[in-house]
Amino acid sequence: MIWLTIVLMGAIVFFNRYCFLAPKLPVRLSPRIRTLLSFSVPAVLTAICGPIIAFSADEWRPVAENPYLFGALFAIVLAFFLRNMLAVVVLSMLMFILMRVVL
């Protein structure tokens, strides 16, 4: 039963992506759907990163002693000004490491 579930989920993901990537299939998304899909990446990243930033195990992290929060805020500010993803990732990781040492 588990293998059947794994195979079926793999098939669903494959055909889902194949419909949009195959050049011979005439699937086109409307501009409204494209606009809505552009918000999915920030929403998913926020849902993944939010609990990591805010919680330590089952407790809230204190704001003054939270290197995750300082690293995330630094990354947001850098991303706004630099527009270079690699530089933002490297510099925000360095900020996070520095804050872990300091705090």
Protein backbone atom coordinates (compact mmCIF):
# COMPACT_ATOMS: atom_id res chain seq x y z
CA MET A 1 0.00 0.00 0.00
CA ILE A 2 2.84 2.42 0.80
CA TRP A 3 4.58 1.70 -2.50
CA LEU A 4 1.34 2.24 -4.39
CA THR A 5 0.93 5.62 -2.68
CA ILE A 6 4.52 6.60 -3.50
CA VAL A 7 4.15 5.60 -7.16
CA LEU A 8 0.80 7.38 -7.52
CA MET A 9 2.12 10.58 -5.92
CA GLY A 10 5.16 10.46 -8.20
CA ALA A 11 2.90 10.03 -11.23
CA ILE A 12 0.70 12.93 -10.15
CA VAL A 13 3.70 15.22 -9.68
CA PHE A 14 5.23 14.12 -13.00
CA PHE A 15 2.08 14.70 -15.06
CA ASN A 16 1.37 17.95 -13.26
CA ARG A 17 4.77 19.31 -14.29
CA TYR A 18 4.78 17.67 -17.71
CA CYS A 19 1.64 19.54 -18.74
CA PHE A 20 3.39 22.88 -18.29
CA LEU A 21 6.85 21.91 -19.56
CA ALA A 22 6.03 19.86 -22.66
CA PRO A 23 6.37 22.11 -25.72
CA LYS A 24 3.78 20.23 -27.79
CA LEU A 25 0.94 20.51 -25.28
CA PRO A 26 -1.08 23.71 -25.79
CA VAL A 27 -1.59 24.52 -22.12
CA ARG A 28 -1.52 28.25 -21.42
CA LEU A 29 -2.34 29.98 -18.17
CA SER A 30 -4.41 33.11 -18.05
CA PRO A 31 -2.76 36.31 -16.81
CA ARG A 32 -4.85 36.19 -13.62
CA ILE A 33 -3.64 32.66 -12.80
CA ARG A 34 -0.04 33.69 -13.50
CA THR A 35 -0.45 36.63 -11.13
CA LEU A 36 -1.91 34.39 -8.44
CA LEU A 37 0.89 31.83 -8.86
CA SER A 38 3.52 34.54 -8.47
CA PHE A 39 2.47 34.84 -4.81
CA SER A 40 2.89 31.13 -4.06
CA VAL A 41 6.68 31.15 -3.59
CA PRO A 42 6.76 33.92 -0.94
CA ALA A 43 3.78 32.35 0.82
CA VAL A 44 5.39 28.91 1.01
CA LEU A 45 8.76 30.31 2.10
CA THR A 46 7.07 32.35 4.82
CA ALA A 47 5.16 29.30 6.03
CA ILE A 48 8.38 27.28 6.20
CA CYS A 49 10.68 29.95 7.67
CA GLY A 50 8.25 31.62 10.08
CA PRO A 51 8.16 28.86 12.70
CA ILE A 52 11.93 28.35 12.46
CA ILE A 53 12.52 32.05 13.14
CA ALA A 54 9.94 32.39 15.91
CA PHE A 55 10.25 29.12 17.85
CA SER A 56 12.94 27.10 19.56
CA ALA A 57 11.52 23.63 20.14
CA ASP A 58 8.14 24.51 21.67
CA GLU A 59 9.03 27.94 23.05
CA TRP A 60 9.07 31.44 21.60
CA ARG A 61 12.56 32.79 20.98
CA PRO A 62 13.16 36.09 22.82
CA VAL A 63 13.36 38.90 20.28
CA ALA A 64 16.51 40.43 21.75
CA GLU A 65 18.34 37.07 21.64
CA ASN A 66 17.08 35.73 18.32
CA PRO A 67 19.83 35.43 15.68
CA TYR A 68 17.30 33.88 13.27
CA LEU A 69 15.20 37.04 13.39
CA PHE A 70 18.19 39.33 12.86
CA GLY A 71 19.41 37.18 9.97
CA ALA A 72 15.97 37.16 8.35
CA LEU A 73 15.50 40.92 8.70
CA PHE A 74 19.00 41.51 7.35
CA ALA A 75 18.22 39.24 4.37
CA ILE A 76 14.99 41.13 3.63
CA VAL A 77 16.74 44.50 3.67
CA LEU A 78 19.61 43.19 1.53
CA ALA A 79 17.23 41.62 -0.98
CA PHE A 80 15.41 44.92 -1.34
CA PHE A 81 18.59 46.85 -2.10
CA LEU A 82 20.92 44.36 -3.82
CA ARG A 83 18.61 42.26 -6.04
CA ASN A 84 21.34 39.59 -6.18
CA MET A 85 20.21 36.33 -4.62
CA LEU A 86 23.65 34.79 -4.15
CA ALA A 87 25.01 37.89 -2.42
CA VAL A 88 21.93 38.10 -0.19
CA VAL A 89 22.22 34.45 0.84
CA VAL A 90 25.95 34.65 1.59
CA LEU A 91 25.79 37.97 3.44
CA SER A 92 22.71 37.04 5.46
CA MET A 93 24.32 33.73 6.45
CA LEU A 94 27.39 35.61 7.60
CA MET A 95 25.16 37.96 9.60
CA PHE A 96 23.38 34.96 11.14
CA ILE A 97 26.69 33.31 12.11
CA LEU A 98 27.96 36.57 13.57
CA MET A 99 24.78 37.02 15.60
CA ARG A 100 25.00 33.44 16.91
CA VAL A 101 28.53 34.14 18.13
CA VAL A 102 27.63 37.49 19.65
CA LEU A 103 24.33 36.43 21.24
